[in-house]
Amino acid sequence: MSNERLRSALLAQGKSIADLAEAIQVNPKTVERWITQGKVPYRRHQYATASFLKVDVTTLWDDSRGVESAADLSKAEIVTVYPHRHLVPANLWRDMYARAQQRLDVLVYAGLWLSEDPAFLNILKSKVQGNAQVRVLLGDPDCEAVRQRGIDEGHRVMDGKIRNALMNYRPLFTSHPEIGFRLHDATLYNSLFRADDEMLVNTHVYGIGAYMAPVLHLRRLPGGGLFDTYANSIEQTWGGARQVTDHDLTGA
């Protein structure tokens, strides 16, 4: 039996099978089977589909398994896990931020590689022009947490990497003052990259650089708590951070 409720929800949002498949990262033929054959997807795909189409999950599929626990919902928020950051597809970072409509957050120590990407810098500019909230949080190059993180990674140049990132961002300070740049002195256990209800969580592991550490791709679901836990960390760090000064750029 076909799933006409799912077909109708796609039409109501002006979305195609390909749009849905791309958004929740499944094969379009899989989505087609959900519709034409009435196949029931995994629970995490049900919630991801409902979130994408802005409807309750029970509108699309009967809730025959009853109410799920918060732990089940939090598991469903995990789209995928990459064992190392360098294995994350390069276009995923750009595509995720390009999809953002309301908020775009970066919480890192340096994130130098991201500041060196012209496509990412263009996304920052385009998003504030579209009235999205854009916030970039870098580590205070003079703070103890930055010094210690450099030691933990096996080097002592984290402060220099932050100043290099600041120089890469510097043209945006004047051309696009709507972009929020702040420096924090927090001890980070993860680098966080949020675009609306999607997030990449780059864990920090003692003794190796962040590019070698695992990355979780999360998508927020109603009732799940994993995404919001990390999102709250961004808010708390932003609240305690300070503005960038000339000293931060020069080190003098």
Protein backbone atom coordinates (compact mmCIF):
# COMPACT_ATOMS: atom_id res chain seq x y z
CA MET A 1 0.00 0.00 0.00
CA SER A 2 1.37 3.40 -0.96
CA ASN A 3 1.98 6.17 1.57
CA GLU A 4 -0.15 9.01 0.22
CA ARG A 5 0.38 11.03 3.39
CA LEU A 6 4.08 11.26 2.68
CA ARG A 7 3.45 12.09 -0.96
CA SER A 8 1.01 14.83 0.04
CA ALA A 9 3.41 16.28 2.60
CA LEU A 10 6.12 16.54 -0.06
CA LEU A 11 3.74 18.30 -2.44
CA ALA A 12 2.53 20.65 0.30
CA GLN A 13 6.10 21.78 0.95
CA GLY A 14 6.97 21.97 -2.75
CA LYS A 15 9.67 19.35 -2.27
CA SER A 16 10.68 16.44 -4.48
CA ILE A 17 11.79 12.94 -3.64
CA ALA A 18 15.32 14.01 -4.53
CA ASP A 19 15.09 17.00 -2.15
CA LEU A 20 14.08 14.78 0.75
CA ALA A 21 16.68 12.14 -0.06
CA GLU A 22 19.45 14.74 -0.13
CA ALA A 23 18.31 16.39 3.10
CA ILE A 24 18.25 13.19 5.15
CA GLN A 25 21.09 11.49 3.24
CA VAL A 26 19.41 8.41 1.81
CA ASN A 27 19.09 7.07 -1.73
CA PRO A 28 16.18 8.62 -3.70
CA LYS A 29 15.02 5.11 -4.61
CA THR A 30 14.66 4.41 -0.90
CA VAL A 31 12.34 7.40 -0.48
CA GLU A 32 10.42 6.31 -3.55
CA ARG A 33 9.80 2.90 -1.95
CA TRP A 34 8.52 4.60 1.19
CA ILE A 35 5.90 6.27 -0.97
CA THR A 36 5.01 3.76 -3.67
CA GLN A 37 5.39 0.56 -1.63
CA GLY A 38 4.57 1.90 1.81
CA LYS A 39 7.89 0.74 3.21
CA VAL A 40 8.43 1.97 6.76
CA PRO A 41 11.83 3.63 7.25
CA TYR A 42 14.07 3.38 10.27
CA ARG A 43 12.83 5.48 13.15
CA ARG A 44 15.63 8.03 12.78
CA HIS A 45 14.69 8.52 9.12
CA GLN A 46 11.05 8.94 10.11
CA TYR A 47 11.93 11.77 12.47
CA ALA A 48 14.37 13.34 10.02
CA THR A 49 11.70 13.28 7.30
CA ALA A 50 9.06 14.77 9.60
CA SER A 51 11.48 17.52 10.63
CA PHE A 52 12.33 18.31 7.00
CA LEU A 53 8.64 18.46 6.03
CA LYS A 54 7.66 20.36 9.19
CA VAL A 55 4.99 17.89 10.29
CA ASP A 56 4.52 15.53 13.22
CA VAL A 57 5.98 12.09 12.58
CA THR A 58 2.60 10.45 13.29
CA THR A 59 1.17 12.40 10.35
CA LEU A 60 3.35 10.33 8.04
CA TRP A 61 3.54 6.97 9.83
CA ASP A 62 1.35 5.32 12.43
CA ASP A 63 3.03 5.30 15.80
CA SER A 64 2.56 1.56 16.24
CA ARG A 65 5.58 1.21 18.52
CA GLY A 66 4.31 3.59 21.16
CA VAL A 67 6.11 6.46 22.82
CA GLU A 68 9.87 6.29 22.55
CA SER A 69 12.23 7.27 25.32
CA ALA A 70 14.41 10.36 25.23
CA ALA A 71 17.40 8.04 24.81
CA ASP A 72 15.86 6.53 21.67
CA LEU A 73 15.16 9.98 20.25
CA SER A 74 18.67 11.18 21.02
CA LYS A 75 20.10 8.19 19.17
CA ALA A 76 17.88 9.09 16.23
CA GLU A 77 19.49 12.55 16.16
CA ILE A 78 22.79 10.98 15.07
CA VAL A 79 22.86 11.04 11.28
CA THR A 80 26.29 9.46 11.01
CA VAL A 81 29.69 9.28 12.71
CA TYR A 82 33.01 9.84 10.96
CA PRO A 83 36.06 8.27 12.67
CA HIS A 84 38.26 11.24 11.67
CA ARG A 85 37.47 14.82 10.67
CA HIS A 86 39.53 14.53 7.52
CA LEU A 87 37.07 11.84 6.33
CA VAL A 88 34.10 14.22 6.44
CA PRO A 89 33.22 15.11 2.82
CA ALA A 90 34.54 18.60 2.09
CA ASN A 91 31.23 19.68 0.61
CA LEU A 92 29.26 18.65 3.72
CA TRP A 93 30.51 21.64 5.73
CA ARG A 94 29.65 24.04 2.92
CA ASP A 95 26.32 22.43 2.06
CA MET A 96 25.19 22.35 5.68
CA TYR A 97 25.97 26.02 6.24
CA ALA A 98 24.50 26.95 2.85
CA ARG A 99 21.18 25.40 3.96
CA ALA A 100 21.04 27.53 7.11
CA GLN A 101 18.23 30.07 7.15
CA GLN A 102 18.18 31.37 10.74
CA ARG A 103 21.46 30.68 12.51
CA LEU A 104 25.03 29.76 11.74
CA ASP A 105 27.46 29.13 14.61
CA VAL A 106 31.13 28.15 14.78
CA LEU A 107 32.71 27.30 18.15
CA VAL A 108 36.40 26.35 17.88
CA TYR A 109 39.83 27.25 19.14
CA ALA A 110 41.25 28.12 15.71
CA GLY A 111 39.38 26.32 12.93
CA LEU A 112 42.11 27.62 10.63
CA TRP A 113 41.14 25.33 7.76
CA LEU A 114 37.62 26.77 7.71
CA SER A 115 38.86 30.39 7.70
CA GLU A 116 40.99 29.55 4.67
CA ASP A 117 38.01 28.38 2.59
CA PRO A 118 36.78 31.19 0.29
CA ALA A 119 33.47 29.38 -0.20
CA PHE A 120 32.83 29.41 3.55
CA LEU A 121 33.67 33.12 3.80
CA ASN A 122 31.19 33.82 1.02
CA ILE A 123 28.54 31.81 2.86
CA LEU A 124 29.08 33.93 5.98
CA LYS A 125 28.54 37.10 3.94
CA SER A 126 25.47 35.79 2.15
CA LYS A 127 23.80 34.58 5.34
CA VAL A 128 23.95 37.90 7.18
CA GLN A 129 22.64 39.60 4.04
CA GLY A 130 19.70 37.23 4.34
CA ASN A 131 19.19 38.26 8.00
CA ALA A 132 20.48 35.04 9.54
CA GLN A 133 22.33 35.19 12.85
CA VAL A 134 26.01 34.41 12.25
CA ARG A 135 28.43 33.89 15.15
CA VAL A 136 32.06 32.78 15.06
CA LEU A 137 33.76 31.95 18.36
CA LEU A 138 37.54 31.51 18.41
CA GLY A 139 39.83 30.87 21.35
CA ASP A 140 41.50 33.81 23.08
CA PRO A 141 45.10 33.39 21.86
CA ASP A 142 46.46 34.58 25.23
CA CYS A 143 44.38 32.35 27.49
CA GLU A 144 45.49 29.28 29.42
CA ALA A 145 42.96 26.97 27.72
CA VAL A 146 44.50 27.71 24.31
CA ARG A 147 48.03 27.13 25.60
CA GLN A 148 47.00 23.83 27.16
CA ARG A 149 45.16 22.64 24.04
CA GLY A 150 48.31 23.21 22.02
CA ILE A 151 50.23 21.04 24.48
CA ASP A 152 47.51 18.37 24.42
CA GLU A 153 47.72 18.20 20.62
CA GLY A 154 51.50 17.83 20.79
CA HIS A 155 52.52 21.34 19.72
CA ARG A 156 52.66 24.88 21.11
CA VAL A 157 51.38 26.92 18.16
CA MET A 158 47.64 27.08 18.83
CA ASP A 159 47.81 30.82 19.58
CA GLY A 160 49.52 31.43 16.24
CA LYS A 161 46.88 29.41 14.40
CA ILE A 162 44.16 31.52 16.02
CA ARG A 163 45.87 34.77 14.98
CA ASN A 164 46.18 33.42 11.44
CA ALA A 165 42.45 32.64 11.43
CA LEU A 166 41.70 36.13 12.74
CA MET A 167 43.73 37.65 9.90
CA ASN A 168 41.75 35.57 7.41
CA TYR A 169 38.51 36.86 8.90
CA ARG A 170 39.74 40.45 9.31
CA PRO A 171 38.27 41.80 6.02
CA LEU A 172 34.83 40.76 7.28
CA PHE A 173 35.18 42.81 10.49
CA THR A 174 34.59 46.04 8.57
CA SER A 175 32.79 44.87 5.42
CA HIS A 176 30.21 42.80 7.31
CA PRO A 177 29.99 43.98 10.92
CA GLU A 178 26.73 42.01 11.29
CA ILE A 179 28.84 38.85 11.57
CA GLY A 180 29.53 38.24 15.23
CA PHE A 181 33.16 37.48 16.09
CA ARG A 182 34.14 36.82 19.70
CA LEU A 183 37.03 35.25 21.61
CA HIS A 184 36.49 32.80 24.46
CA ASP A 185 38.71 31.33 27.18
CA ALA A 186 36.67 28.16 27.68
CA THR A 187 38.08 24.65 27.84
CA LEU A 188 36.52 22.99 24.80
CA TYR A 189 35.86 19.27 24.65
CA ASN A 190 34.41 19.59 21.15
CA SER A 191 34.49 21.99 18.24
CA LEU A 192 30.90 22.74 17.23
CA PHE A 193 29.54 23.76 13.84
CA ARG A 194 25.81 24.55 13.82
CA ALA A 195 23.50 25.40 10.93
CA ASP A 196 19.88 25.71 12.11
CA ASP A 197 18.92 22.19 13.22
CA GLU A 198 22.05 20.47 11.88
CA MET A 199 25.38 20.25 13.63
CA LEU A 200 28.82 18.74 13.21
CA VAL A 201 30.52 17.88 16.51
CA ASN A 202 34.29 17.46 16.19
CA THR A 203 35.39 15.76 19.41
CA HIS A 204 38.72 16.63 21.04
CA VAL A 205 40.99 13.71 21.91
CA TYR A 206 44.11 14.03 24.04
CA GLY A 207 47.34 13.64 22.09
CA ILE A 208 46.02 14.17 18.55
CA GLY A 209 44.90 17.09 16.44
CA ALA A 210 41.19 17.68 15.89
CA TYR A 211 41.50 16.65 12.24
CA MET A 212 42.19 13.09 13.43
CA ALA A 213 39.36 12.99 15.99
CA PRO A 214 35.81 11.68 15.39
CA VAL A 215 32.97 13.85 14.09
CA LEU A 216 29.26 13.36 14.81
CA HIS A 217 26.72 14.66 12.31
CA LEU A 218 23.56 15.54 14.26
CA ARG A 219 20.09 16.63 13.21
CA ARG A 220 17.78 18.05 15.89
CA LEU A 221 14.53 16.17 16.51
CA PRO A 222 11.64 17.14 18.82
CA GLY A 223 12.03 15.28 22.09
CA GLY A 224 15.69 14.44 21.58
CA GLY A 225 18.25 15.94 23.91
CA LEU A 226 21.61 15.32 22.25
CA PHE A 227 21.52 18.22 19.79
CA ASP A 228 20.28 20.68 22.40
CA THR A 229 23.04 19.69 24.83
CA TYR A 230 25.67 20.85 22.36
CA ALA A 231 23.62 23.86 21.26
CA ASN A 232 23.41 25.05 24.87
CA SER A 233 27.20 24.85 25.09
CA ILE A 234 27.46 27.33 22.22
CA GLU A 235 25.09 29.74 23.97
CA GLN A 236 26.98 29.60 27.25
CA THR A 237 30.34 30.13 25.58
CA TRP A 238 29.05 33.05 23.51
CA GLY A 239 27.68 34.72 26.62
CA GLY A 240 31.09 34.67 28.32
CA ALA A 241 33.17 35.65 25.29
CA ARG A 242 34.64 39.07 24.43
CA GLN A 243 35.13 41.23 21.36
CA VAL A 244 38.21 40.99 19.16
CA THR A 245 40.85 43.75 19.66
CA ASP A 246 43.82 44.96 17.61
CA HIS A 247 46.12 43.21 20.09
CA ASP A 248 44.52 39.87 19.21
CA LEU A 249 45.37 40.43 15.56
CA THR A 250 48.97 41.49 16.05
CA GLY A 251 49.97 39.91 19.34
CA ALA A 252 51.69 43.20 20.18
